[in-house]
Amino acid sequence: MEGIIISENVERERNRKLETIVRENSPKLLSFIRRQVNDTMEAEDVLQDVFAHLTSGIPSIDDVESVSGWLYRVARNKITDLFRKKKNRSFSELDSGTDRQYIESAQSSKSSAIDDLWNESVAIAIEEALLELPAEQREVFLLYEIEGLSFREIAELTGENISTLISRKQYAVRLMRELLSDFYEELND
């Protein structure tokens, strides 16, 4: 009987920790995801996947050194998975609300369609370049450039020292320039 009570207390404590983690991290994590995923519903799905992974992916929350850093890494992986799925769709599969909205706006205004196409082309090129970055460089680049975190905040999140993070970001910027150079040359021709 005593073992059951202890087990129930451990489970209650785990649930309290999970609730606190979700409550404290949801707004910033959703904001981070929304900056990379344009569709609100998809962003919320990614957030739910991250927290589902938290509840099922680790036996003990105490085993994770930096829970928020772990959550951002999982979120980035889930976003990458989402982009990979989208990248593999054929034109005939365009049936989501976002795709329909794009098609309708393109039909309603040529200049708007050109702007949309331009923005989409740039976004796709950047997303593809980001996927080419090594994971550590992509992580620092996204946290600094997209999420707006300082190197000190990133160091606290990841456990890396600041000089390492600065180097990774510099390498990421150089590689992004290389990866995007052909795209920009095509646009200027």
N, C-alpha and C. Protein backbone atom coordinates (compact mmCIF):
# COMPACT_ATOMS: atom_id res chain seq x y z
N MET A 1 0.82 -1.20 0.00
CA MET A 1 0.00 0.00 0.00
C MET A 1 0.87 1.27 0.00
N GLU A 2 1.93 1.24 0.79
CA GLU A 2 2.81 2.40 0.88
C GLU A 2 3.49 2.68 -0.46
N GLY A 3 3.84 1.61 -1.21
CA GLY A 3 4.46 1.77 -2.52
C GLY A 3 3.53 2.44 -3.51
N ILE A 4 2.24 2.14 -3.43
CA ILE A 4 1.25 2.76 -4.32
C ILE A 4 1.14 4.24 -4.02
N ILE A 5 1.12 4.60 -2.75
CA ILE A 5 1.02 6.02 -2.35
C ILE A 5 2.25 6.78 -2.83
N ILE A 6 3.43 6.20 -2.66
CA ILE A 6 4.65 6.85 -3.12
C ILE A 6 4.62 7.02 -4.63
N SER A 7 4.19 5.98 -5.35
CA SER A 7 4.09 6.05 -6.80
C SER A 7 3.11 7.14 -7.25
N GLU A 8 1.98 7.25 -6.56
CA GLU A 8 0.99 8.28 -6.88
C GLU A 8 1.56 9.67 -6.62
N ASN A 9 2.31 9.83 -5.53
CA ASN A 9 2.92 11.12 -5.21
C ASN A 9 3.97 11.51 -6.26
N VAL A 10 4.75 10.53 -6.71
CA VAL A 10 5.76 10.78 -7.75
C VAL A 10 5.06 11.22 -9.03
N GLU A 11 3.95 10.53 -9.38
CA GLU A 11 3.21 10.87 -10.60
C GLU A 11 2.60 12.26 -10.48
N ARG A 12 2.04 12.60 -9.33
CA ARG A 12 1.48 13.95 -9.13
C ARG A 12 2.55 15.02 -9.26
N GLU A 13 3.71 14.77 -8.68
CA GLU A 13 4.82 15.73 -8.76
C GLU A 13 5.27 15.89 -10.21
N ARG A 14 5.36 14.80 -10.96
CA ARG A 14 5.73 14.86 -12.38
C ARG A 14 4.70 15.69 -13.14
N ASN A 15 3.43 15.47 -12.89
CA ASN A 15 2.37 16.22 -13.57
C ASN A 15 2.45 17.71 -13.23
N ARG A 16 2.73 18.04 -11.97
CA ARG A 16 2.89 19.45 -11.59
C ARG A 16 4.06 20.09 -12.34
N LYS A 17 5.17 19.37 -12.42
CA LYS A 17 6.33 19.88 -13.14
C LYS A 17 6.00 20.11 -14.62
N LEU A 18 5.31 19.13 -15.22
CA LEU A 18 4.93 19.26 -16.62
C LEU A 18 4.01 20.46 -16.83
N GLU A 19 3.03 20.64 -15.97
CA GLU A 19 2.12 21.79 -16.08
C GLU A 19 2.88 23.09 -16.00
N THR A 20 3.83 23.17 -15.09
CA THR A 20 4.63 24.38 -14.93
C THR A 20 5.47 24.63 -16.18
N ILE A 21 6.08 23.59 -16.69
CA ILE A 21 6.90 23.72 -17.91
C ILE A 21 6.04 24.21 -19.07
N VAL A 22 4.88 23.61 -19.25
CA VAL A 22 3.99 24.01 -20.34
C VAL A 22 3.55 25.45 -20.16
N ARG A 23 3.11 25.81 -18.99
CA ARG A 23 2.62 27.17 -18.71
C ARG A 23 3.73 28.21 -18.93
N GLU A 24 4.93 27.92 -18.46
CA GLU A 24 6.02 28.90 -18.55
C GLU A 24 6.62 29.01 -19.96
N ASN A 25 6.61 27.93 -20.71
CA ASN A 25 7.30 27.91 -22.00
C ASN A 25 6.39 28.08 -23.22
N SER A 26 5.11 27.85 -23.07
CA SER A 26 4.19 27.90 -24.22
C SER A 26 4.24 29.22 -25.00
N PRO A 27 4.10 30.37 -24.34
CA PRO A 27 4.05 31.62 -25.13
C PRO A 27 5.30 31.87 -25.97
N LYS A 28 6.47 31.75 -25.36
CA LYS A 28 7.71 32.01 -26.10
C LYS A 28 7.96 30.95 -27.16
N LEU A 29 7.67 29.71 -26.83
CA LEU A 29 7.88 28.63 -27.78
C LEU A 29 6.94 28.77 -28.97
N LEU A 30 5.68 29.12 -28.72
CA LEU A 30 4.74 29.33 -29.82
C LEU A 30 5.19 30.51 -30.68
N SER A 31 5.66 31.56 -30.05
CA SER A 31 6.16 32.71 -30.80
C SER A 31 7.34 32.29 -31.69
N PHE A 32 8.24 31.51 -31.15
CA PHE A 32 9.38 30.99 -31.91
C PHE A 32 8.90 30.17 -33.11
N ILE A 33 7.94 29.29 -32.88
CA ILE A 33 7.42 28.43 -33.95
C ILE A 33 6.70 29.27 -34.99
N ARG A 34 5.90 30.25 -34.56
CA ARG A 34 5.12 31.09 -35.49
C ARG A 34 6.03 31.91 -36.40
N ARG A 35 7.22 32.24 -35.95
CA ARG A 35 8.13 33.00 -36.80
C ARG A 35 8.64 32.17 -37.97
N GLN A 36 8.53 30.86 -37.84
CA GLN A 36 9.03 29.98 -38.89
C GLN A 36 7.92 29.27 -39.64
N VAL A 37 6.77 29.12 -38.99
CA VAL A 37 5.63 28.44 -39.61
C VAL A 37 4.52 29.46 -39.78
N ASN A 38 4.16 29.75 -41.03
CA ASN A 38 3.21 30.82 -41.31
C ASN A 38 1.79 30.50 -40.89
N ASP A 39 1.39 29.26 -40.97
CA ASP A 39 0.03 28.86 -40.67
C ASP A 39 -0.14 28.68 -39.16
N THR A 40 -1.09 29.41 -38.57
CA THR A 40 -1.31 29.39 -37.12
C THR A 40 -1.65 27.99 -36.63
N MET A 41 -2.51 27.30 -37.36
CA MET A 41 -2.91 25.96 -36.92
C MET A 41 -1.73 24.99 -36.97
N GLU A 42 -0.91 25.10 -38.01
CA GLU A 42 0.28 24.25 -38.09
C GLU A 42 1.25 24.56 -36.95
N ALA A 43 1.40 25.84 -36.63
CA ALA A 43 2.29 26.23 -35.53
C ALA A 43 1.80 25.64 -34.21
N GLU A 44 0.50 25.72 -33.99
CA GLU A 44 -0.06 25.16 -32.76
C GLU A 44 0.08 23.64 -32.73
N ASP A 45 -0.05 23.00 -33.89
CA ASP A 45 0.17 21.55 -33.97
C ASP A 45 1.61 21.20 -33.61
N VAL A 46 2.55 21.99 -34.11
CA VAL A 46 3.96 21.76 -33.79
C VAL A 46 4.17 21.90 -32.28
N LEU A 47 3.58 22.94 -31.70
CA LEU A 47 3.71 23.14 -30.25
C LEU A 47 3.15 21.93 -29.49
N GLN A 48 1.99 21.44 -29.90
CA GLN A 48 1.41 20.27 -29.24
C GLN A 48 2.32 19.05 -29.40
N ASP A 49 2.91 18.90 -30.58
CA ASP A 49 3.84 17.78 -30.80
C ASP A 49 5.05 17.87 -29.87
N VAL A 50 5.53 19.09 -29.66
CA VAL A 50 6.69 19.29 -28.77
C VAL A 50 6.32 18.84 -27.36
N PHE A 51 5.17 19.28 -26.87
CA PHE A 51 4.79 18.91 -25.51
C PHE A 51 4.40 17.44 -25.39
N ALA A 52 3.87 16.88 -26.46
CA ALA A 52 3.59 15.43 -26.45
C ALA A 52 4.91 14.66 -26.36
N HIS A 53 5.90 15.16 -27.09
CA HIS A 53 7.23 14.53 -27.04
C HIS A 53 7.81 14.65 -25.63
N LEU A 54 7.58 15.77 -24.98
CA LEU A 54 8.06 15.97 -23.61
C LEU A 54 7.44 14.95 -22.67
N THR A 55 6.14 14.75 -22.79
CA THR A 55 5.48 13.84 -21.85
C THR A 55 5.80 12.38 -22.11
N SER A 56 6.11 12.05 -23.37
CA SER A 56 6.38 10.65 -23.67
C SER A 56 7.85 10.36 -23.96
N GLY A 57 8.60 11.41 -24.23
CA GLY A 57 9.96 11.21 -24.73
C GLY A 57 11.04 11.05 -23.69
N ILE A 58 10.78 11.49 -22.47
CA ILE A 58 11.80 11.37 -21.44
C ILE A 58 11.20 10.74 -20.19
N PRO A 59 11.92 9.79 -19.59
CA PRO A 59 11.38 9.13 -18.41
C PRO A 59 11.27 10.08 -17.21
N SER A 60 12.21 10.99 -17.07
CA SER A 60 12.18 11.92 -15.95
C SER A 60 12.61 13.31 -16.42
N ILE A 61 11.83 14.30 -16.07
CA ILE A 61 12.15 15.68 -16.42
C ILE A 61 13.47 16.10 -15.79
N ASP A 62 13.75 15.53 -14.64
CA ASP A 62 14.98 15.87 -13.93
C ASP A 62 16.22 15.41 -14.69
N ASP A 63 16.05 14.49 -15.66
CA ASP A 63 17.18 14.02 -16.46
C ASP A 63 17.64 15.05 -17.49
N VAL A 64 16.79 16.03 -17.78
CA VAL A 64 17.10 17.04 -18.79
C VAL A 64 17.77 18.22 -18.11
N GLU A 65 18.97 18.57 -18.62
CA GLU A 65 19.75 19.64 -18.01
C GLU A 65 19.06 21.00 -18.15
N SER A 66 18.63 21.33 -19.37
CA SER A 66 17.93 22.59 -19.62
C SER A 66 16.64 22.26 -20.37
N VAL A 67 15.53 22.27 -19.65
CA VAL A 67 14.26 21.88 -20.24
C VAL A 67 13.89 22.82 -21.38
N SER A 68 14.06 24.13 -21.19
CA SER A 68 13.68 25.06 -22.26
C SER A 68 14.57 24.87 -23.48
N GLY A 69 15.85 24.64 -23.30
CA GLY A 69 16.74 24.36 -24.43
C GLY A 69 16.32 23.09 -25.15
N TRP A 70 15.95 22.08 -24.37
CA TRP A 70 15.48 20.82 -24.96
C TRP A 70 14.21 21.06 -25.77
N LEU A 71 13.29 21.87 -25.23
CA LEU A 71 12.03 22.17 -25.93
C LEU A 71 12.30 22.88 -27.26
N TYR A 72 13.23 23.84 -27.27
CA TYR A 72 13.56 24.55 -28.52
C TYR A 72 14.18 23.60 -29.54
N ARG A 73 15.03 22.68 -29.07
CA ARG A 73 15.63 21.71 -30.00
C ARG A 73 14.55 20.82 -30.60
N VAL A 74 13.64 20.34 -29.76
CA VAL A 74 12.55 19.50 -30.26
C VAL A 74 11.69 20.29 -31.24
N ALA A 75 11.40 21.56 -30.89
CA ALA A 75 10.58 22.41 -31.78
C ALA A 75 11.26 22.57 -33.14
N ARG A 76 12.55 22.84 -33.13
CA ARG A 76 13.27 22.99 -34.40
C ARG A 76 13.22 21.70 -35.22
N ASN A 77 13.36 20.57 -34.55
CA ASN A 77 13.28 19.29 -35.26
C ASN A 77 11.88 19.08 -35.84
N LYS A 78 10.86 19.42 -35.08
CA LYS A 78 9.47 19.26 -35.56
C LYS A 78 9.21 20.20 -36.74
N ILE A 79 9.74 21.42 -36.67
CA ILE A 79 9.58 22.37 -37.78
C ILE A 79 10.30 21.85 -39.02
N THR A 80 11.49 21.32 -38.84
CA THR A 80 12.24 20.74 -39.96
C THR A 80 11.45 19.60 -40.59
N ASP A 81 10.88 18.74 -39.75
CA ASP A 81 10.04 17.65 -40.26
C ASP A 81 8.87 18.19 -41.06
N LEU A 82 8.24 19.24 -40.56
CA LEU A 82 7.10 19.85 -41.24
C LEU A 82 7.52 20.38 -42.61
N PHE A 83 8.65 21.09 -42.69
CA PHE A 83 9.13 21.62 -43.96
C PHE A 83 9.47 20.49 -44.94
N ARG A 84 10.05 19.42 -44.43
CA ARG A 84 10.38 18.29 -45.31
C ARG A 84 9.12 17.69 -45.90
N LYS A 85 8.09 17.56 -45.09
CA LYS A 85 6.82 17.01 -45.58
C LYS A 85 6.24 17.92 -46.66
N LYS A 86 6.28 19.23 -46.42
CA LYS A 86 5.74 20.19 -47.39
C LYS A 86 6.54 20.19 -48.67
N LYS A 87 7.85 20.06 -48.56
CA LYS A 87 8.72 20.12 -49.72
C LYS A 87 8.43 18.96 -50.67
N ASN A 88 7.97 17.84 -50.15
CA ASN A 88 7.75 16.66 -50.96
C ASN A 88 6.36 16.60 -51.58
N ARG A 89 5.52 17.62 -51.39
CA ARG A 89 4.18 17.60 -51.96
C ARG A 89 4.23 17.98 -53.44
N SER A 90 3.35 17.38 -54.20
CA SER A 90 3.25 17.74 -55.62
C SER A 90 2.24 18.86 -55.78
N PHE A 91 2.24 19.47 -56.95
CA PHE A 91 1.33 20.58 -57.21
C PHE A 91 -0.12 20.14 -57.07
N SER A 92 -0.43 18.91 -57.50
CA SER A 92 -1.81 18.43 -57.42
C SER A 92 -2.28 18.23 -55.99
N GLU A 93 -1.36 18.20 -55.04
CA GLU A 93 -1.73 18.00 -53.64
C GLU A 93 -2.03 19.31 -52.93
N LEU A 94 -1.99 20.42 -53.63
CA LEU A 94 -2.23 21.71 -53.00
C LEU A 94 -3.71 21.85 -52.66
N ASP A 95 -4.04 21.50 -51.43
CA ASP A 95 -5.44 21.59 -51.06
C ASP A 95 -5.64 22.17 -49.67
N SER A 96 -4.58 22.61 -49.02
CA SER A 96 -4.75 23.19 -47.69
C SER A 96 -5.28 24.61 -47.81
N GLY A 97 -5.80 25.13 -46.71
CA GLY A 97 -6.34 26.49 -46.71
C GLY A 97 -5.31 27.52 -47.11
N THR A 98 -4.08 27.35 -46.64
CA THR A 98 -3.03 28.31 -46.97
C THR A 98 -2.77 28.32 -48.47
N ASP A 99 -2.71 27.12 -49.07
CA ASP A 99 -2.45 27.04 -50.50
C ASP A 99 -3.62 27.63 -51.29
N ARG A 100 -4.85 27.34 -50.87
CA ARG A 100 -6.01 27.91 -51.55
C ARG A 100 -6.01 29.42 -51.45
N GLN A 101 -5.67 29.94 -50.26
CA GLN A 101 -5.62 31.39 -50.08
C GLN A 101 -4.59 32.00 -51.02
N TYR A 102 -3.45 31.34 -51.15
CA TYR A 102 -2.41 31.85 -52.05
C TYR A 102 -2.93 31.88 -53.48
N ILE A 103 -3.56 30.80 -53.90
CA ILE A 103 -4.07 30.71 -55.28
C ILE A 103 -5.14 31.77 -55.51
N GLU A 104 -6.06 31.94 -54.55
CA GLU A 104 -7.12 32.94 -54.71
C GLU A 104 -6.55 34.35 -54.78
N SER A 105 -5.58 34.66 -53.92
CA SER A 105 -5.02 36.00 -53.95
C SER A 105 -4.25 36.24 -55.25
N ALA A 106 -3.60 35.19 -55.78
CA ALA A 106 -2.87 35.32 -57.05
C ALA A 106 -3.84 35.59 -58.20
N GLN A 107 -5.00 34.99 -58.15
CA GLN A 107 -5.98 35.21 -59.20
C GLN A 107 -6.59 36.60 -59.10
N SER A 108 -6.73 37.14 -57.90
CA SER A 108 -7.40 38.42 -57.72
C SER A 108 -6.54 39.62 -58.10
N SER A 109 -5.23 39.49 -58.00
CA SER A 109 -4.38 40.64 -58.29
C SER A 109 -3.02 40.18 -58.78
N LYS A 110 -2.66 40.59 -59.99
CA LYS A 110 -1.38 40.16 -60.55
C LYS A 110 -0.21 40.70 -59.74
N SER A 111 -0.27 41.97 -59.37
CA SER A 111 0.86 42.52 -58.61
C SER A 111 0.94 41.87 -57.24
N SER A 112 -0.20 41.61 -56.64
CA SER A 112 -0.20 40.91 -55.36
C SER A 112 0.36 39.50 -55.53
N ALA A 113 0.02 38.86 -56.64
CA ALA A 113 0.51 37.51 -56.90
C ALA A 113 2.03 37.52 -57.08
N ILE A 114 2.53 38.52 -57.76
CA ILE A 114 3.97 38.62 -57.96
C ILE A 114 4.67 38.83 -56.63
N ASP A 115 4.12 39.72 -55.79
CA ASP A 115 4.68 39.94 -54.46
C ASP A 115 4.65 38.66 -53.63
N ASP A 116 3.52 37.96 -53.67
CA ASP A 116 3.39 36.71 -52.93
C ASP A 116 4.40 35.68 -53.42
N LEU A 117 4.53 35.59 -54.73
CA LEU A 117 5.46 34.63 -55.31
C LEU A 117 6.89 34.97 -54.91
N TRP A 118 7.20 36.24 -54.96
CA TRP A 118 8.53 36.71 -54.55
C TRP A 118 8.79 36.33 -53.10
N ASN A 119 7.86 36.68 -52.21
CA ASN A 119 8.02 36.38 -50.79
C ASN A 119 8.12 34.89 -50.54
N GLU A 120 7.30 34.12 -51.24
CA GLU A 120 7.33 32.67 -51.07
C GLU A 120 8.65 32.10 -51.57
N SER A 121 9.14 32.61 -52.70
CA SER A 121 10.41 32.13 -53.25
C SER A 121 11.56 32.41 -52.29
N VAL A 122 11.58 33.60 -51.74
CA VAL A 122 12.62 33.96 -50.78
C VAL A 122 12.51 33.09 -49.54
N ALA A 123 11.31 32.91 -49.03
CA ALA A 123 11.10 32.09 -47.83
C ALA A 123 11.55 30.65 -48.06
N ILE A 124 11.21 30.11 -49.21
CA ILE A 124 11.59 28.72 -49.52
C ILE A 124 13.10 28.61 -49.62
N ALA A 125 13.73 29.56 -50.29
CA ALA A 125 15.19 29.53 -50.43
C ALA A 125 15.87 29.59 -49.06
N ILE A 126 15.35 30.45 -48.19
CA ILE A 126 15.93 30.57 -46.85
C ILE A 126 15.70 29.29 -46.05
N GLU A 127 14.48 28.75 -46.12
CA GLU A 127 14.18 27.51 -45.40
C GLU A 127 15.09 26.37 -45.86
N GLU A 128 15.27 26.25 -47.17
CA GLU A 128 16.14 25.20 -47.70
C GLU A 128 17.58 25.41 -47.26
N ALA A 129 18.04 26.65 -47.26
CA ALA A 129 19.40 26.95 -46.81
C ALA A 129 19.55 26.62 -45.32
N LEU A 130 18.54 26.95 -44.53
CA LEU A 130 18.59 26.64 -43.10
C LEU A 130 18.70 25.13 -42.87
N LEU A 131 18.00 24.36 -43.67
CA LEU A 131 18.05 22.90 -43.53
C LEU A 131 19.43 22.34 -43.86
N GLU A 132 20.20 23.09 -44.66
CA GLU A 132 21.54 22.65 -45.04
C GLU A 132 22.57 22.93 -43.95
N LEU A 133 22.27 23.83 -43.04
CA LEU A 133 23.21 24.17 -41.97
C LEU A 133 23.37 22.99 -41.02
N PRO A 134 24.56 22.81 -40.47
CA PRO A 134 24.71 21.84 -39.38
C PRO A 134 23.77 22.23 -38.23
N ALA A 135 23.27 21.25 -37.52
CA ALA A 135 22.25 21.48 -36.48
C ALA A 135 22.67 22.53 -35.45
N GLU A 136 23.93 22.48 -35.02
CA GLU A 136 24.38 23.43 -34.00
C GLU A 136 24.38 24.86 -34.52
N GLN A 137 24.79 25.03 -35.77
CA GLN A 137 24.80 26.37 -36.37
C GLN A 137 23.38 26.86 -36.60
N ARG A 138 22.51 25.98 -37.09
CA ARG A 138 21.11 26.35 -37.33
C ARG A 138 20.45 26.78 -36.02
N GLU A 139 20.72 26.04 -34.96
CA GLU A 139 20.13 26.35 -33.66
C GLU A 139 20.51 27.76 -33.21
N VAL A 140 21.79 28.08 -33.24
CA VAL A 140 22.24 29.41 -32.81
C VAL A 140 21.68 30.49 -33.73
N PHE A 141 21.73 30.25 -35.04
CA PHE A 141 21.23 31.23 -36.01
C PHE A 141 19.76 31.54 -35.74
N LEU A 142 18.95 30.51 -35.58
CA LEU A 142 17.51 30.71 -35.36
C LEU A 142 17.23 31.40 -34.02
N LEU A 143 17.91 30.97 -32.99
CA LEU A 143 17.67 31.59 -31.68
C LEU A 143 18.09 33.06 -31.66
N TYR A 144 19.20 33.37 -32.33
CA TYR A 144 19.70 34.74 -32.33
C TYR A 144 18.93 35.63 -33.32
N GLU A 145 18.85 35.18 -34.56
CA GLU A 145 18.27 36.00 -35.63
C GLU A 145 16.75 36.00 -35.64
N ILE A 146 16.14 34.87 -35.38
CA ILE A 146 14.69 34.76 -35.49
C ILE A 146 14.02 34.98 -34.13
N GLU A 147 14.51 34.29 -33.12
CA GLU A 147 13.90 34.40 -31.79
C GLU A 147 14.33 35.68 -31.08
N GLY A 148 15.47 36.24 -31.48
CA GLY A 148 15.93 37.49 -30.88
C GLY A 148 16.58 37.34 -29.51
N LEU A 149 17.06 36.13 -29.21
CA LEU A 149 17.73 35.92 -27.94
C LEU A 149 19.16 36.44 -28.01
N SER A 150 19.68 36.88 -26.88
CA SER A 150 21.07 37.31 -26.83
C SER A 150 21.97 36.06 -26.73
N PHE A 151 23.26 36.25 -26.97
CA PHE A 151 24.17 35.12 -26.85
C PHE A 151 24.20 34.60 -25.41
N ARG A 152 24.06 35.48 -24.46
CA ARG A 152 24.03 35.06 -23.06
C ARG A 152 22.81 34.16 -22.80
N GLU A 153 21.66 34.55 -23.33
CA GLU A 153 20.45 33.75 -23.16
C GLU A 153 20.58 32.39 -23.87
N ILE A 154 21.18 32.42 -25.04
CA ILE A 154 21.38 31.17 -25.77
C ILE A 154 22.34 30.26 -25.00
N ALA A 155 23.38 30.85 -24.43
CA ALA A 155 24.33 30.07 -23.63
C ALA A 155 23.62 29.41 -22.45
N GLU A 156 22.73 30.14 -21.80
CA GLU A 156 21.97 29.56 -20.68
C GLU A 156 21.07 28.43 -21.15
N LEU A 157 20.49 28.61 -22.33
CA LEU A 157 19.58 27.59 -22.88
C LEU A 157 20.32 26.33 -23.30
N THR A 158 21.46 26.50 -23.94
CA THR A 158 22.15 25.36 -24.55
C THR A 158 23.27 24.79 -23.69
N GLY A 159 23.78 25.58 -22.76
CA GLY A 159 24.90 25.12 -21.95
C GLY A 159 26.25 25.30 -22.64
N GLU A 160 26.26 25.95 -23.80
CA GLU A 160 27.50 26.21 -24.53
C GLU A 160 28.08 27.56 -24.08
N ASN A 161 29.40 27.73 -24.27
CA ASN A 161 29.95 29.04 -23.91
C ASN A 161 29.70 30.04 -25.03
N ILE A 162 29.72 31.30 -24.68
CA ILE A 162 29.33 32.37 -25.60
C ILE A 162 30.23 32.44 -26.82
N SER A 163 31.54 32.27 -26.64
CA SER A 163 32.44 32.36 -27.80
C SER A 163 32.15 31.24 -28.81
N THR A 164 31.78 30.06 -28.33
CA THR A 164 31.41 28.97 -29.24
C THR A 164 30.16 29.34 -30.02
N LEU A 165 29.19 29.92 -29.33
CA LEU A 165 27.94 30.32 -29.98
C LEU A 165 28.18 31.40 -31.04
N ILE A 166 29.03 32.37 -30.71
CA ILE A 166 29.35 33.43 -31.67
C ILE A 166 30.01 32.84 -32.91
N SER A 167 30.93 31.91 -32.72
CA SER A 167 31.60 31.26 -33.85
C SER A 167 30.59 30.49 -34.70
N ARG A 168 29.70 29.76 -34.05
CA ARG A 168 28.70 28.99 -34.79
C ARG A 168 27.80 29.90 -35.61
N LYS A 169 27.44 31.04 -35.03
CA LYS A 169 26.58 31.97 -35.78
C LYS A 169 27.34 32.54 -36.97
N GLN A 170 28.61 32.89 -36.78
CA GLN A 170 29.41 33.42 -37.89
C GLN A 170 29.53 32.39 -39.02
N TYR A 171 29.79 31.14 -38.66
CA TYR A 171 29.85 30.09 -39.66
C TYR A 171 28.50 29.92 -40.36
N ALA A 172 27.43 30.00 -39.59
CA ALA A 172 26.08 29.87 -40.16
C ALA A 172 25.81 30.98 -41.17
N VAL A 173 26.18 32.21 -40.84
CA VAL A 173 25.96 33.34 -41.73
C VAL A 173 26.76 33.15 -43.02
N ARG A 174 28.02 32.75 -42.90
CA ARG A 174 28.85 32.52 -44.09
C ARG A 174 28.24 31.44 -44.98
N LEU A 175 27.82 30.34 -44.36
CA LEU A 175 27.25 29.24 -45.13
C LEU A 175 25.92 29.63 -45.75
N MET A 176 25.11 30.39 -45.03
CA MET A 176 23.84 30.88 -45.59
C MET A 176 24.10 31.76 -46.81
N ARG A 177 25.10 32.63 -46.72
CA ARG A 177 25.45 33.48 -47.87
C ARG A 177 25.85 32.63 -49.07
N GLU A 178 26.67 31.61 -48.81
CA GLU A 178 27.08 30.71 -49.90
C GLU A 178 25.88 30.01 -50.50
N LEU A 179 25.04 29.45 -49.63
CA LEU A 179 23.90 28.68 -50.10
C LEU A 179 22.88 29.54 -50.85
N LEU A 180 22.78 30.80 -50.49
CA LEU A 180 21.80 31.69 -51.12
C LEU A 180 22.38 32.50 -52.28
N SER A 181 23.69 32.40 -52.50
CA SER A 181 24.30 33.22 -53.54
C SER A 181 23.74 32.93 -54.93
N ASP A 182 23.55 31.67 -55.28
CA ASP A 182 22.97 31.33 -56.60
C ASP A 182 21.56 31.89 -56.73
N PHE A 183 20.78 31.78 -55.68
CA PHE A 183 19.41 32.30 -55.69
C PHE A 183 19.41 33.79 -55.97
N TYR A 184 20.26 34.54 -55.27
CA TYR A 184 20.31 35.98 -55.47
C TYR A 184 20.88 36.37 -56.83
N GLU A 185 21.83 35.59 -57.34
CA GLU A 185 22.35 35.85 -58.68
C GLU A 185 21.27 35.68 -59.73
N GLU A 186 20.43 34.63 -59.57
CA GLU A 186 19.33 34.40 -60.51
C GLU A 186 18.35 35.58 -60.47
N LEU A 187 18.10 36.11 -59.31
CA LEU A 187 17.17 37.23 -59.18
C LEU A 187 17.71 38.50 -59.82
N ASN A 188 19.00 38.68 -59.78
CA ASN A 188 19.60 39.89 -60.34
C ASN A 188 19.87 39.81 -61.83
N ASP A 189 19.74 38.63 -62.41
CA ASP A 189 19.98 38.48 -63.86
C ASP A 189 18.78 38.87 -64.66
